[in-house]
Amino acid sequence: VAMGGTVTGEHGVGVEKLNSMCVQF
């Protein structure tokens, strides 16, 4: 995200990336 990207491309957020959503949005 810091490099200008996103926390997911095609695998989805599910339960794995819940915390990382807090970083991006």
PDB file of all heavy atoms in Angstrom:
ATOM      1  N   VAL A   1       0.839  -1.201   0.000  1.00  0.00           N
ATOM      2  CA  VAL A   1       0.000   0.000   0.000  1.00  0.00           C
ATOM      3  C   VAL A   1       0.872   1.249   0.000  1.00  0.00           C
ATOM      4  O   VAL A   1       0.608   2.227  -0.718  1.00  0.00           O
ATOM      5  CB  VAL A   1      -0.958  -0.008   1.202  1.00  0.00           C
ATOM      6  CG1 VAL A   1      -1.731   1.305   1.290  1.00  0.00           C
ATOM      7  CG2 VAL A   1      -1.928  -1.183   1.096  1.00  0.00           C
ATOM      8  N   ALA A   2       1.940   1.229   0.787  1.00  0.00           N
ATOM      9  CA  ALA A   2       2.845   2.380   0.846  1.00  0.00           C
ATOM     10  C   ALA A   2       3.502   2.653  -0.497  1.00  0.00           C
ATOM     11  O   ALA A   2       3.842   3.795  -0.813  1.00  0.00           O
ATOM     12  CB  ALA A   2       3.920   2.135   1.906  1.00  0.00           C
ATOM     13  N   MET A   3       3.666   1.609  -1.311  1.00  0.00           N
ATOM     14  CA  MET A   3       4.275   1.774  -2.634  1.00  0.00           C
ATOM     15  C   MET A   3       3.256   2.162  -3.698  1.00  0.00           C
ATOM     16  O   MET A   3       3.577   2.228  -4.884  1.00  0.00           O
ATOM     17  CB  MET A   3       4.979   0.476  -3.044  1.00  0.00           C
ATOM     18  CG  MET A   3       6.249   0.190  -2.263  1.00  0.00           C
ATOM     19  SD  MET A   3       7.046  -1.332  -2.859  1.00  0.00           S
ATOM     20  CE  MET A   3       8.546  -1.325  -1.841  1.00  0.00           C
ATOM     21  N   GLY A   4       2.017   2.400  -3.272  1.00  0.00           N
ATOM     22  CA  GLY A   4       0.988   2.823  -4.220  1.00  0.00           C
ATOM     23  C   GLY A   4       0.083   1.711  -4.687  1.00  0.00           C
ATOM     24  O   GLY A   4      -0.653   1.867  -5.663  1.00  0.00           O
ATOM     25  N   GLY A   5       0.099   0.553  -3.981  1.00  0.00           N
ATOM     26  CA  GLY A   5      -0.703  -0.593  -4.383  1.00  0.00           C
ATOM     27  C   GLY A   5      -1.908  -0.818  -3.500  1.00  0.00           C
ATOM     28  O   GLY A   5      -2.398   0.104  -2.826  1.00  0.00           O
ATOM     29  N   THR A   6      -2.378  -2.061  -3.465  1.00  0.00           N
ATOM     30  CA  THR A   6      -3.562  -2.428  -2.695  1.00  0.00           C
ATOM     31  C   THR A   6      -3.295  -3.717  -1.927  1.00  0.00           C
ATOM     32  O   THR A   6      -2.342  -4.448  -2.217  1.00  0.00           O
ATOM     33  CB  THR A   6      -4.781  -2.657  -3.604  1.00  0.00           C
ATOM     34  OG1 THR A   6      -4.525  -3.784  -4.459  1.00  0.00           O
ATOM     35  CG2 THR A   6      -5.055  -1.436  -4.480  1.00  0.00           C
ATOM     36  N   VAL A   7      -4.171  -4.034  -0.971  1.00  0.00           N
ATOM     37  CA  VAL A   7      -3.951  -5.203  -0.117  1.00  0.00           C
ATOM     38  C   VAL A   7      -4.398  -6.505  -0.768  1.00  0.00           C
ATOM     39  O   VAL A   7      -4.118  -7.576  -0.249  1.00  0.00           O
ATOM     40  CB  VAL A   7      -4.649  -5.048   1.252  1.00  0.00           C
ATOM     41  CG1 VAL A   7      -4.088  -3.859   1.996  1.00  0.00           C
ATOM     42  CG2 VAL A   7      -6.168  -4.950   1.097  1.00  0.00           C
ATOM     43  N   THR A   8      -5.110  -6.432  -1.892  1.00  0.00           N
ATOM     44  CA  THR A   8      -5.488  -7.666  -2.572  1.00  0.00           C
ATOM     45  C   THR A   8      -5.624  -7.421  -4.059  1.00  0.00           C
ATOM     46  O   THR A   8      -6.054  -6.353  -4.497  1.00  0.00           O
ATOM     47  CB  THR A   8      -6.798  -8.254  -2.021  1.00  0.00           C
ATOM     48  OG1 THR A   8      -7.061  -9.496  -2.668  1.00  0.00           O
ATOM     49  CG2 THR A   8      -7.971  -7.322  -2.201  1.00  0.00           C
ATOM     50  N   GLY A   9      -5.242  -8.442  -4.836  1.00  0.00           N
ATOM     51  CA  GLY A   9      -5.385  -8.358  -6.276  1.00  0.00           C
ATOM     52  C   GLY A   9      -6.482  -9.280  -6.788  1.00  0.00           C
ATOM     53  O   GLY A   9      -7.324  -8.881  -7.575  1.00  0.00           O
ATOM     54  N   GLU A  10      -6.495 -10.542  -6.306  1.00  0.00           N
ATOM     55  CA  GLU A  10      -7.488 -11.495  -6.804  1.00  0.00           C
ATOM     56  C   GLU A  10      -7.910 -12.542  -5.778  1.00  0.00           C
ATOM     57  O   GLU A  10      -8.880 -13.254  -6.002  1.00  0.00           O
ATOM     58  CB  GLU A  10      -6.966 -12.206  -8.053  1.00  0.00           C
ATOM     59  CG  GLU A  10      -5.670 -12.953  -7.828  1.00  0.00           C
ATOM     60  CD  GLU A  10      -5.276 -13.849  -9.000  1.00  0.00           C
ATOM     61  OE1 GLU A  10      -6.152 -14.223  -9.780  1.00  0.00           O
ATOM     62  OE2 GLU A  10      -4.084 -14.181  -9.101  1.00  0.00           O
ATOM     63  N   HIS A  11      -7.204 -12.640  -4.653  1.00  0.00           N
ATOM     64  CA  HIS A  11      -7.548 -13.673  -3.671  1.00  0.00           C
ATOM     65  C   HIS A  11      -8.609 -13.207  -2.690  1.00  0.00           C
ATOM     66  O   HIS A  11      -9.158 -14.015  -1.954  1.00  0.00           O
ATOM     67  CB  HIS A  11      -6.302 -14.111  -2.890  1.00  0.00           C
ATOM     68  CG  HIS A  11      -5.322 -14.867  -3.713  1.00  0.00           C
ATOM     69  ND1 HIS A  11      -4.097 -15.266  -3.234  1.00  0.00           N
ATOM     70  CD2 HIS A  11      -5.374 -15.295  -5.000  1.00  0.00           C
ATOM     71  CE1 HIS A  11      -3.441 -15.905  -4.193  1.00  0.00           C
ATOM     72  NE2 HIS A  11      -4.200 -15.937  -5.270  1.00  0.00           N
ATOM     73  N   GLY A  12      -8.874 -11.924  -2.635  1.00  0.00           N
ATOM     74  CA  GLY A  12      -9.880 -11.405  -1.731  1.00  0.00           C
ATOM     75  C   GLY A  12      -9.344 -11.112  -0.344  1.00  0.00           C
ATOM     76  O   GLY A  12      -8.194 -11.400  -0.011  1.00  0.00           O
ATOM     77  N   VAL A  13     -10.202 -10.520   0.469  1.00  0.00           N
ATOM     78  CA  VAL A  13      -9.853 -10.129   1.842  1.00  0.00           C
ATOM     79  C   VAL A  13     -10.143 -11.265   2.812  1.00  0.00           C
ATOM     80  O   VAL A  13      -9.310 -11.632   3.639  1.00  0.00           O
ATOM     81  CB  VAL A  13     -10.621  -8.858   2.258  1.00  0.00           C
ATOM     82  CG1 VAL A  13     -10.356  -8.517   3.718  1.00  0.00           C
ATOM     83  CG2 VAL A  13     -10.243  -7.684   1.359  1.00  0.00           C
ATOM     84  N   GLY A  14     -11.360 -11.837   2.716  1.00  0.00           N
ATOM     85  CA  GLY A  14     -11.747 -12.923   3.609  1.00  0.00           C
ATOM     86  C   GLY A  14     -11.535 -12.577   5.063  1.00  0.00           C
ATOM     87  O   GLY A  14     -11.925 -11.505   5.536  1.00  0.00           O
ATOM     88  N   VAL A  15     -10.887 -13.489   5.801  1.00  0.00           N
ATOM     89  CA  VAL A  15     -10.498 -13.202   7.181  1.00  0.00           C
ATOM     90  C   VAL A  15      -9.025 -12.824   7.262  1.00  0.00           C
ATOM     91  O   VAL A  15      -8.591 -12.182   8.208  1.00  0.00           O
ATOM     92  CB  VAL A  15     -10.764 -14.410   8.106  1.00  0.00           C
ATOM     93  CG1 VAL A  15     -12.253 -14.719   8.167  1.00  0.00           C
ATOM     94  CG2 VAL A  15      -9.997 -15.645   7.662  1.00  0.00           C
ATOM     95  N   GLU A  16      -8.260 -13.212   6.240  1.00  0.00           N
ATOM     96  CA  GLU A  16      -6.815 -13.029   6.273  1.00  0.00           C
ATOM     97  C   GLU A  16      -6.392 -11.563   6.311  1.00  0.00           C
ATOM     98  O   GLU A  16      -5.478 -11.190   7.030  1.00  0.00           O
ATOM     99  CB  GLU A  16      -6.201 -13.703   5.040  1.00  0.00           C
ATOM    100  CG  GLU A  16      -4.704 -13.503   4.893  1.00  0.00           C
ATOM    101  CD  GLU A  16      -4.231 -13.813   3.483  1.00  0.00           C
ATOM    102  OE1 GLU A  16      -4.947 -13.499   2.515  1.00  0.00           O
ATOM    103  OE2 GLU A  16      -3.136 -14.365   3.357  1.00  0.00           O
ATOM    104  N   LYS A  17      -7.080 -10.708   5.559  1.00  0.00           N
ATOM    105  CA  LYS A  17      -6.606  -9.336   5.371  1.00  0.00           C
ATOM    106  C   LYS A  17      -7.469  -8.291   6.077  1.00  0.00           C
ATOM    107  O   LYS A  17      -7.414  -7.102   5.737  1.00  0.00           O
ATOM    108  CB  LYS A  17      -6.540  -9.016   3.875  1.00  0.00           C
ATOM    109  CG  LYS A  17      -5.635  -9.944   3.074  1.00  0.00           C
ATOM    110  CD  LYS A  17      -5.512  -9.466   1.637  1.00  0.00           C
ATOM    111  CE  LYS A  17      -4.666 -10.410   0.814  1.00  0.00           C
ATOM    112  NZ  LYS A  17      -5.445 -11.587   0.346  1.00  0.00           N
ATOM    113  N   LEU A  18      -8.261  -8.727   7.054  1.00  0.00           N
ATOM    114  CA  LEU A  18      -9.125  -7.770   7.748  1.00  0.00           C
ATOM    115  C   LEU A  18      -8.323  -6.626   8.363  1.00  0.00           C
ATOM    116  O   LEU A  18      -8.683  -5.456   8.240  1.00  0.00           O
ATOM    117  CB  LEU A  18      -9.939  -8.494   8.828  1.00  0.00           C
ATOM    118  CG  LEU A  18     -11.232  -9.168   8.377  1.00  0.00           C
ATOM    119  CD1 LEU A  18     -11.832  -9.962   9.515  1.00  0.00           C
ATOM    120  CD2 LEU A  18     -12.225  -8.149   7.853  1.00  0.00           C
ATOM    121  N   ASN A  19      -7.230  -6.969   9.060  1.00  0.00           N
ATOM    122  CA  ASN A  19      -6.425  -5.911   9.670  1.00  0.00           C
ATOM    123  C   ASN A  19      -5.814  -4.997   8.622  1.00  0.00           C
ATOM    124  O   ASN A  19      -5.706  -3.779   8.829  1.00  0.00           O
ATOM    125  CB  ASN A  19      -5.307  -6.528  10.532  1.00  0.00           C
ATOM    126  CG  ASN A  19      -5.848  -7.165  11.795  1.00  0.00           C
ATOM    127  OD1 ASN A  19      -6.933  -6.834  12.257  1.00  0.00           O
ATOM    128  ND2 ASN A  19      -5.090  -8.087  12.362  1.00  0.00           N
ATOM    129  N   SER A  20      -5.401  -5.558   7.517  1.00  0.00           N
ATOM    130  CA  SER A  20      -4.767  -4.754   6.469  1.00  0.00           C
ATOM    131  C   SER A  20      -5.755  -3.792   5.824  1.00  0.00           C
ATOM    132  O   SER A  20      -5.345  -2.745   5.297  1.00  0.00           O
ATOM    133  CB  SER A  20      -4.157  -5.673   5.412  1.00  0.00           C
ATOM    134  OG  SER A  20      -3.158  -6.495   5.984  1.00  0.00           O
ATOM    135  N   MET A  21      -7.038  -4.109   5.851  1.00  0.00           N
ATOM    136  CA  MET A  21      -8.035  -3.154   5.356  1.00  0.00           C
ATOM    137  C   MET A  21      -8.006  -1.875   6.185  1.00  0.00           C
ATOM    138  O   MET A  21      -8.257  -0.779   5.672  1.00  0.00           O
ATOM    139  CB  MET A  21      -9.422  -3.782   5.409  1.00  0.00           C
ATOM    140  CG  MET A  21      -9.656  -4.884   4.394  1.00  0.00           C
ATOM    141  SD  MET A  21      -9.867  -4.269   2.719  1.00  0.00           S
ATOM    142  CE  MET A  21     -11.529  -3.612   2.804  1.00  0.00           C
ATOM    143  N   CYS A  22      -7.672  -2.013   7.476  1.00  0.00           N
ATOM    144  CA  CYS A  22      -7.588  -0.847   8.355  1.00  0.00           C
ATOM    145  C   CYS A  22      -6.448   0.078   7.935  1.00  0.00           C
ATOM    146  O   CYS A  22      -6.478   1.282   8.202  1.00  0.00           O
ATOM    147  CB  CYS A  22      -7.368  -1.284   9.805  1.00  0.00           C
ATOM    148  SG  CYS A  22      -8.629  -2.402  10.455  1.00  0.00           S
ATOM    149  N   VAL A  23      -5.434  -0.501   7.292  1.00  0.00           N
ATOM    150  CA  VAL A  23      -4.283   0.279   6.856  1.00  0.00           C
ATOM    151  C   VAL A  23      -4.603   1.053   5.584  1.00  0.00           C
ATOM    152  O   VAL A  23      -4.180   2.197   5.414  1.00  0.00           O
ATOM    153  CB  VAL A  23      -3.068  -0.656   6.623  1.00  0.00           C
ATOM    154  CG1 VAL A  23      -1.923   0.088   5.959  1.00  0.00           C
ATOM    155  CG2 VAL A  23      -2.603  -1.260   7.946  1.00  0.00           C
ATOM    156  N   GLN A  24      -5.359   0.439   4.677  1.00  0.00           N
ATOM    157  CA  GLN A  24      -5.578   1.056   3.381  1.00  0.00           C
ATOM    158  C   GLN A  24      -6.758   2.022   3.342  1.00  0.00           C
ATOM    159  O   GLN A  24      -6.699   3.049   2.663  1.00  0.00           O
ATOM    160  CB  GLN A  24      -5.790  -0.021   2.311  1.00  0.00           C
ATOM    161  CG  GLN A  24      -6.024   0.585   0.929  1.00  0.00           C
ATOM    162  CD  GLN A  24      -5.855  -0.403  -0.195  1.00  0.00           C
ATOM    163  OE1 GLN A  24      -5.628  -1.576   0.037  1.00  0.00           O
ATOM    164  NE2 GLN A  24      -5.959   0.069  -1.422  1.00  0.00           N
ATOM    165  N   PHE A  25      -7.839   1.697   4.059  1.00  0.00           N
ATOM    166  CA  PHE A  25      -9.072   2.471   3.899  1.00  0.00           C
ATOM    167  C   PHE A  25      -9.418   3.249   5.158  1.00  0.00           C
ATOM    168  O   PHE A  25      -9.205   2.780   6.282  1.00  0.00           O
ATOM    169  CB  PHE A  25     -10.225   1.543   3.535  1.00  0.00           C
ATOM    170  CG  PHE A  25     -10.050   0.859   2.210  1.00  0.00           C
ATOM    171  CD1 PHE A  25      -9.648  -0.463   2.148  1.00  0.00           C
ATOM    172  CD2 PHE A  25     -10.263   1.544   1.025  1.00  0.00           C
ATOM    173  CE1 PHE A  25      -9.470  -1.098   0.927  1.00  0.00           C
ATOM    174  CE2 PHE A  25     -10.087   0.925  -0.200  1.00  0.00           C
ATOM    175  CZ  PHE A  25      -9.680  -0.400  -0.252  1.00  0.00           C
TER     176      PHE A  25
END
